[in-house]
Amino acid sequence: MFINNQDNHNIRDIHILNQEEKALAKAFIQGAVYGWLNCHSKGDEFSVRILFGGDNTDWEGTPLQPIWDNHKANGKTNDEAYEQSAKDVGWLLKSVLAGDKTRKFKKIEGFTNTYCWID
């Protein structure tokens, strides 16, 4: 859950995935978040770019791949599909964090949204 209650409610739904794909993607994202939190200190910032960018941008074989595949199937260029996929994963990440009942997160707005786990 977010410390700012407004952030708990300002979440877009991702319509490009069916319910099963969305549930798998959210479970995958939650696992990535929990793994990241386990290796970092409270207050360290993370984002979609940190969790799923850089060396992790190849989503082949992960529950995130259908997001990119659907954007490509809808006629987007590789760059457009990449950009929109990152935004979609961002909304899914925000949804996962808002739904976490045991941890509190703070959203830090910038060029891309980042988050941190707080007490």
N, C-alpha and C. Protein backbone atom coordinates (compact mmCIF):
# COMPACT_ATOMS: atom_id res chain seq x y z
N MET A 1 0.84 -1.16 0.00
CA MET A 1 0.00 0.00 0.00
C MET A 1 0.89 1.23 0.00
N PHE A 2 0.36 2.31 -0.52
CA PHE A 2 1.11 3.56 -0.57
C PHE A 2 0.78 4.42 0.64
N ILE A 3 1.77 5.20 1.09
CA ILE A 3 1.53 6.08 2.23
C ILE A 3 0.59 7.22 1.84
N ASN A 4 0.62 7.63 0.60
CA ASN A 4 -0.32 8.63 0.08
C ASN A 4 -1.53 7.87 -0.45
N ASN A 5 -2.64 7.97 0.24
CA ASN A 5 -3.82 7.17 -0.10
C ASN A 5 -4.28 7.39 -1.54
N GLN A 6 -4.05 8.58 -2.09
CA GLN A 6 -4.44 8.85 -3.47
C GLN A 6 -3.74 7.90 -4.44
N ASP A 7 -2.48 7.56 -4.16
CA ASP A 7 -1.72 6.66 -5.03
C ASP A 7 -2.29 5.24 -5.02
N ASN A 8 -3.01 4.88 -3.96
CA ASN A 8 -3.64 3.55 -3.88
C ASN A 8 -4.83 3.43 -4.82
N HIS A 9 -5.36 4.56 -5.26
CA HIS A 9 -6.58 4.52 -6.08
C HIS A 9 -6.37 4.99 -7.52
N ASN A 10 -5.29 5.68 -7.79
CA ASN A 10 -5.03 6.23 -9.13
C ASN A 10 -4.22 5.21 -9.94
N ILE A 11 -4.91 4.13 -10.35
CA ILE A 11 -4.23 3.05 -11.07
C ILE A 11 -5.05 2.69 -12.31
N ARG A 12 -4.38 2.66 -13.45
CA ARG A 12 -5.06 2.28 -14.69
C ARG A 12 -5.06 0.77 -14.85
N ASP A 13 -6.12 0.27 -15.44
CA ASP A 13 -6.19 -1.15 -15.76
C ASP A 13 -5.52 -1.38 -17.11
N ILE A 14 -4.88 -2.52 -17.24
CA ILE A 14 -4.23 -2.90 -18.49
C ILE A 14 -5.18 -3.82 -19.25
N HIS A 15 -5.68 -3.37 -20.39
CA HIS A 15 -6.68 -4.14 -21.14
C HIS A 15 -6.06 -5.02 -22.22
N ILE A 16 -4.76 -4.92 -22.42
CA ILE A 16 -4.12 -5.67 -23.49
C ILE A 16 -3.91 -7.14 -23.11
N LEU A 17 -4.02 -7.44 -21.82
CA LEU A 17 -3.86 -8.81 -21.33
C LEU A 17 -5.20 -9.37 -20.89
N ASN A 18 -5.36 -10.69 -21.04
CA ASN A 18 -6.56 -11.31 -20.45
C ASN A 18 -6.31 -11.48 -18.94
N GLN A 19 -7.31 -11.90 -18.21
CA GLN A 19 -7.22 -11.98 -16.75
C GLN A 19 -6.12 -12.93 -16.30
N GLU A 20 -5.96 -14.07 -16.95
CA GLU A 20 -4.92 -15.03 -16.57
C GLU A 20 -3.53 -14.46 -16.83
N GLU A 21 -3.35 -13.82 -17.99
CA GLU A 21 -2.05 -13.21 -18.31
C GLU A 21 -1.72 -12.10 -17.32
N LYS A 22 -2.75 -11.31 -16.98
CA LYS A 22 -2.54 -10.22 -16.03
C LYS A 22 -2.15 -10.75 -14.65
N ALA A 23 -2.81 -11.80 -14.19
CA ALA A 23 -2.49 -12.39 -12.89
C ALA A 23 -1.06 -12.93 -12.88
N LEU A 24 -0.66 -13.60 -13.96
CA LEU A 24 0.71 -14.11 -14.05
C LEU A 24 1.74 -12.98 -14.07
N ALA A 25 1.45 -11.92 -14.83
CA ALA A 25 2.37 -10.78 -14.90
C ALA A 25 2.50 -10.12 -13.54
N LYS A 26 1.40 -9.96 -12.84
CA LYS A 26 1.45 -9.32 -11.52
C LYS A 26 2.20 -10.19 -10.51
N ALA A 27 2.03 -11.50 -10.57
CA ALA A 27 2.77 -12.40 -9.68
C ALA A 27 4.27 -12.31 -9.99
N PHE A 28 4.62 -12.24 -11.26
CA PHE A 28 6.00 -12.12 -11.68
C PHE A 28 6.60 -10.81 -11.17
N ILE A 29 5.85 -9.73 -11.32
CA ILE A 29 6.30 -8.41 -10.85
C ILE A 29 6.46 -8.43 -9.33
N GLN A 30 5.50 -9.00 -8.63
CA GLN A 30 5.59 -9.06 -7.17
C GLN A 30 6.83 -9.84 -6.73
N GLY A 31 7.13 -10.94 -7.41
CA GLY A 31 8.33 -11.70 -7.11
C GLY A 31 9.59 -10.88 -7.33
N ALA A 32 9.62 -10.11 -8.41
CA ALA A 32 10.78 -9.26 -8.69
C ALA A 32 10.93 -8.19 -7.61
N VAL A 33 9.82 -7.61 -7.20
CA VAL A 33 9.86 -6.59 -6.14
C VAL A 33 10.38 -7.20 -4.84
N TYR A 34 9.82 -8.33 -4.44
CA TYR A 34 10.24 -8.95 -3.18
C TYR A 34 11.70 -9.37 -3.24
N GLY A 35 12.16 -9.87 -4.37
CA GLY A 35 13.57 -10.21 -4.52
C GLY A 35 14.45 -8.98 -4.40
N TRP A 36 14.03 -7.89 -5.04
CA TRP A 36 14.79 -6.64 -4.97
C TRP A 36 14.83 -6.12 -3.54
N LEU A 37 13.68 -6.12 -2.86
CA LEU A 37 13.62 -5.63 -1.49
C LEU A 37 14.52 -6.45 -0.56
N ASN A 38 14.60 -7.73 -0.82
CA ASN A 38 15.42 -8.61 0.01
C ASN A 38 16.90 -8.26 -0.08
N CYS A 39 17.32 -7.69 -1.20
CA CYS A 39 18.74 -7.41 -1.43
C CYS A 39 19.10 -5.94 -1.23
N HIS A 40 18.13 -5.11 -0.86
CA HIS A 40 18.37 -3.68 -0.71
C HIS A 40 17.80 -3.19 0.62
N SER A 41 18.19 -2.00 0.98
CA SER A 41 17.73 -1.39 2.23
C SER A 41 16.41 -0.67 2.02
N LYS A 42 15.64 -0.56 3.10
CA LYS A 42 14.44 0.27 3.04
C LYS A 42 14.88 1.66 2.63
N GLY A 43 14.08 2.27 1.80
CA GLY A 43 14.40 3.61 1.32
C GLY A 43 15.13 3.62 -0.02
N ASP A 44 15.75 2.50 -0.41
CA ASP A 44 16.38 2.43 -1.73
C ASP A 44 15.29 2.47 -2.80
N GLU A 45 15.52 3.24 -3.84
CA GLU A 45 14.50 3.42 -4.88
C GLU A 45 14.59 2.35 -5.95
N PHE A 46 13.42 1.98 -6.47
CA PHE A 46 13.34 1.04 -7.59
C PHE A 46 12.25 1.49 -8.54
N SER A 47 12.31 0.99 -9.75
CA SER A 47 11.36 1.37 -10.79
C SER A 47 11.24 0.22 -11.79
N VAL A 48 10.36 0.38 -12.76
CA VAL A 48 10.25 -0.60 -13.84
C VAL A 48 11.60 -0.74 -14.54
N ARG A 49 12.24 0.38 -14.78
CA ARG A 49 13.54 0.37 -15.47
C ARG A 49 14.58 -0.43 -14.67
N ILE A 50 14.59 -0.26 -13.36
CA ILE A 50 15.55 -0.98 -12.51
C ILE A 50 15.22 -2.47 -12.48
N LEU A 51 13.94 -2.80 -12.34
CA LEU A 51 13.54 -4.20 -12.21
C LEU A 51 13.56 -4.96 -13.54
N PHE A 52 13.13 -4.29 -14.62
CA PHE A 52 12.91 -5.00 -15.89
C PHE A 52 13.60 -4.37 -17.09
N GLY A 53 14.52 -3.46 -16.84
CA GLY A 53 15.27 -2.83 -17.93
C GLY A 53 16.70 -3.31 -17.94
N GLY A 54 17.56 -2.60 -18.65
CA GLY A 54 18.98 -2.97 -18.71
C GLY A 54 19.16 -4.40 -19.20
N ASP A 55 19.84 -5.21 -18.40
CA ASP A 55 20.08 -6.60 -18.78
C ASP A 55 18.79 -7.43 -18.75
N ASN A 56 17.73 -6.90 -18.17
CA ASN A 56 16.46 -7.63 -18.07
C ASN A 56 15.43 -7.21 -19.11
N THR A 57 15.83 -6.53 -20.17
CA THR A 57 14.84 -6.08 -21.16
C THR A 57 14.37 -7.19 -22.09
N ASP A 58 15.04 -8.31 -22.12
CA ASP A 58 14.56 -9.44 -22.92
C ASP A 58 13.56 -10.21 -22.07
N TRP A 59 12.28 -10.02 -22.34
CA TRP A 59 11.22 -10.62 -21.55
C TRP A 59 10.79 -11.99 -22.08
N GLU A 60 11.49 -12.49 -23.10
CA GLU A 60 11.15 -13.79 -23.69
C GLU A 60 11.05 -14.86 -22.60
N GLY A 61 9.94 -15.59 -22.62
CA GLY A 61 9.73 -16.67 -21.66
C GLY A 61 9.22 -16.21 -20.31
N THR A 62 8.93 -14.91 -20.17
CA THR A 62 8.39 -14.41 -18.90
C THR A 62 6.92 -14.01 -19.11
N PRO A 63 6.18 -13.84 -18.03
CA PRO A 63 4.79 -13.40 -18.16
C PRO A 63 4.64 -11.97 -18.68
N LEU A 64 5.74 -11.24 -18.85
CA LEU A 64 5.66 -9.89 -19.41
C LEU A 64 5.70 -9.89 -20.94
N GLN A 65 6.18 -10.96 -21.54
CA GLN A 65 6.32 -11.03 -22.99
C GLN A 65 5.00 -10.78 -23.73
N PRO A 66 3.85 -11.31 -23.26
CA PRO A 66 2.60 -11.06 -23.99
C PRO A 66 2.24 -9.58 -24.12
N ILE A 67 2.73 -8.75 -23.21
CA ILE A 67 2.46 -7.31 -23.31
C ILE A 67 3.11 -6.77 -24.58
N TRP A 68 4.40 -7.04 -24.75
CA TRP A 68 5.12 -6.57 -25.93
C TRP A 68 4.54 -7.22 -27.19
N ASP A 69 4.28 -8.53 -27.13
CA ASP A 69 3.72 -9.24 -28.29
C ASP A 69 2.41 -8.62 -28.76
N ASN A 70 1.54 -8.27 -27.81
CA ASN A 70 0.25 -7.67 -28.17
C ASN A 70 0.43 -6.31 -28.81
N HIS A 71 1.35 -5.52 -28.31
CA HIS A 71 1.58 -4.21 -28.93
C HIS A 71 2.14 -4.37 -30.35
N LYS A 72 3.04 -5.32 -30.54
CA LYS A 72 3.56 -5.57 -31.88
C LYS A 72 2.45 -6.06 -32.81
N ALA A 73 1.59 -6.95 -32.30
CA ALA A 73 0.49 -7.48 -33.11
C ALA A 73 -0.50 -6.38 -33.49
N ASN A 74 -0.54 -5.32 -32.71
CA ASN A 74 -1.44 -4.20 -33.01
C ASN A 74 -0.77 -3.14 -33.89
N GLY A 75 0.37 -3.50 -34.50
CA GLY A 75 0.99 -2.64 -35.51
C GLY A 75 2.00 -1.63 -35.02
N LYS A 76 2.39 -1.70 -33.77
CA LYS A 76 3.38 -0.75 -33.27
C LYS A 76 4.78 -1.16 -33.74
N THR A 77 5.63 -0.15 -33.92
CA THR A 77 7.03 -0.43 -34.22
C THR A 77 7.69 -1.01 -32.96
N ASN A 78 8.90 -1.52 -33.11
CA ASN A 78 9.61 -2.04 -31.94
C ASN A 78 9.76 -0.99 -30.85
N ASP A 79 10.14 0.23 -31.24
CA ASP A 79 10.31 1.30 -30.26
C ASP A 79 8.99 1.67 -29.59
N GLU A 80 7.92 1.76 -30.39
CA GLU A 80 6.60 2.08 -29.82
C GLU A 80 6.13 0.97 -28.89
N ALA A 81 6.33 -0.28 -29.30
CA ALA A 81 5.93 -1.41 -28.46
C ALA A 81 6.72 -1.43 -27.16
N TYR A 82 8.00 -1.13 -27.24
CA TYR A 82 8.85 -1.09 -26.05
C TYR A 82 8.37 0.00 -25.09
N GLU A 83 8.13 1.21 -25.62
CA GLU A 83 7.70 2.33 -24.78
C GLU A 83 6.34 2.05 -24.13
N GLN A 84 5.38 1.55 -24.90
CA GLN A 84 4.06 1.29 -24.35
C GLN A 84 4.09 0.11 -23.37
N SER A 85 4.91 -0.89 -23.65
CA SER A 85 5.04 -2.03 -22.74
C SER A 85 5.59 -1.59 -21.39
N ALA A 86 6.57 -0.70 -21.41
CA ALA A 86 7.13 -0.19 -20.16
C ALA A 86 6.07 0.56 -19.35
N LYS A 87 5.24 1.34 -20.04
CA LYS A 87 4.15 2.05 -19.35
C LYS A 87 3.16 1.06 -18.76
N ASP A 88 2.80 0.04 -19.52
CA ASP A 88 1.86 -0.97 -19.03
C ASP A 88 2.41 -1.70 -17.80
N VAL A 89 3.68 -2.07 -17.87
CA VAL A 89 4.30 -2.74 -16.71
C VAL A 89 4.36 -1.77 -15.53
N GLY A 90 4.54 -0.50 -15.80
CA GLY A 90 4.51 0.50 -14.74
C GLY A 90 3.17 0.53 -14.02
N TRP A 91 2.08 0.46 -14.79
CA TRP A 91 0.75 0.42 -14.16
C TRP A 91 0.55 -0.87 -13.38
N LEU A 92 1.05 -1.97 -13.91
CA LEU A 92 0.95 -3.24 -13.18
C LEU A 92 1.78 -3.20 -11.89
N LEU A 93 2.98 -2.62 -11.97
CA LEU A 93 3.81 -2.49 -10.78
C LEU A 93 3.09 -1.65 -9.72
N LYS A 94 2.53 -0.54 -10.13
CA LYS A 94 1.81 0.31 -9.19
C LYS A 94 0.65 -0.43 -8.55
N SER A 95 -0.05 -1.23 -9.34
CA SER A 95 -1.16 -2.03 -8.82
C SER A 95 -0.68 -3.05 -7.80
N VAL A 96 0.45 -3.69 -8.09
CA VAL A 96 1.02 -4.67 -7.16
C VAL A 96 1.39 -4.00 -5.84
N LEU A 97 2.03 -2.84 -5.92
CA LEU A 97 2.45 -2.14 -4.70
C LEU A 97 1.25 -1.65 -3.90
N ALA A 98 0.23 -1.15 -4.59
CA ALA A 98 -0.98 -0.68 -3.90
C ALA A 98 -1.69 -1.82 -3.19
N GLY A 99 -1.61 -3.02 -3.77
CA GLY A 99 -2.30 -4.17 -3.20
C GLY A 99 -1.53 -4.88 -2.10
N ASP A 100 -0.30 -4.48 -1.84
CA ASP A 100 0.52 -5.13 -0.82
C ASP A 100 0.01 -4.71 0.56
N LYS A 101 -0.48 -5.66 1.32
CA LYS A 101 -1.07 -5.38 2.64
C LYS A 101 -0.05 -5.38 3.77
N THR A 102 1.18 -5.84 3.52
CA THR A 102 2.17 -5.95 4.59
C THR A 102 3.28 -4.91 4.52
N ARG A 103 3.40 -4.22 3.41
CA ARG A 103 4.46 -3.23 3.25
C ARG A 103 3.87 -1.90 2.82
N LYS A 104 4.58 -0.83 3.16
CA LYS A 104 4.16 0.51 2.74
C LYS A 104 5.22 1.06 1.81
N PHE A 105 4.74 1.70 0.74
CA PHE A 105 5.62 2.25 -0.27
C PHE A 105 5.36 3.74 -0.46
N LYS A 106 6.39 4.43 -0.88
CA LYS A 106 6.29 5.84 -1.23
C LYS A 106 6.58 5.96 -2.71
N LYS A 107 5.76 6.73 -3.42
CA LYS A 107 5.97 6.99 -4.84
C LYS A 107 6.76 8.28 -4.98
N ILE A 108 7.82 8.23 -5.78
CA ILE A 108 8.65 9.39 -6.05
C ILE A 108 8.49 9.72 -7.53
N GLU A 109 7.90 10.86 -7.81
CA GLU A 109 7.63 11.21 -9.20
C GLU A 109 8.84 11.85 -9.84
N GLY A 110 9.05 11.51 -11.09
CA GLY A 110 10.15 12.06 -11.87
C GLY A 110 9.92 11.72 -13.32
N PHE A 111 11.00 11.67 -14.10
CA PHE A 111 10.89 11.28 -15.51
C PHE A 111 10.18 9.94 -15.61
N THR A 112 10.57 9.02 -14.76
CA THR A 112 9.83 7.77 -14.57
C THR A 112 9.54 7.66 -13.09
N ASN A 113 8.41 7.08 -12.75
CA ASN A 113 8.08 6.91 -11.34
C ASN A 113 9.02 5.91 -10.70
N THR A 114 9.48 6.25 -9.53
CA THR A 114 10.25 5.33 -8.72
C THR A 114 9.51 5.15 -7.41
N TYR A 115 9.86 4.10 -6.71
CA TYR A 115 9.20 3.76 -5.46
C TYR A 115 10.24 3.35 -4.43
N CYS A 116 9.88 3.47 -3.17
CA CYS A 116 10.73 2.95 -2.12
C CYS A 116 9.85 2.35 -1.02
N TRP A 117 10.39 1.36 -0.37
CA TRP A 117 9.74 0.70 0.76
C TRP A 117 10.10 1.47 2.02
N ILE A 118 9.09 1.81 2.80
CA ILE A 118 9.34 2.58 4.03
C ILE A 118 8.73 1.86 5.22
N ASP A 119 9.12 2.31 6.40
CA ASP A 119 8.54 1.75 7.64
C ASP A 119 7.14 2.29 7.85
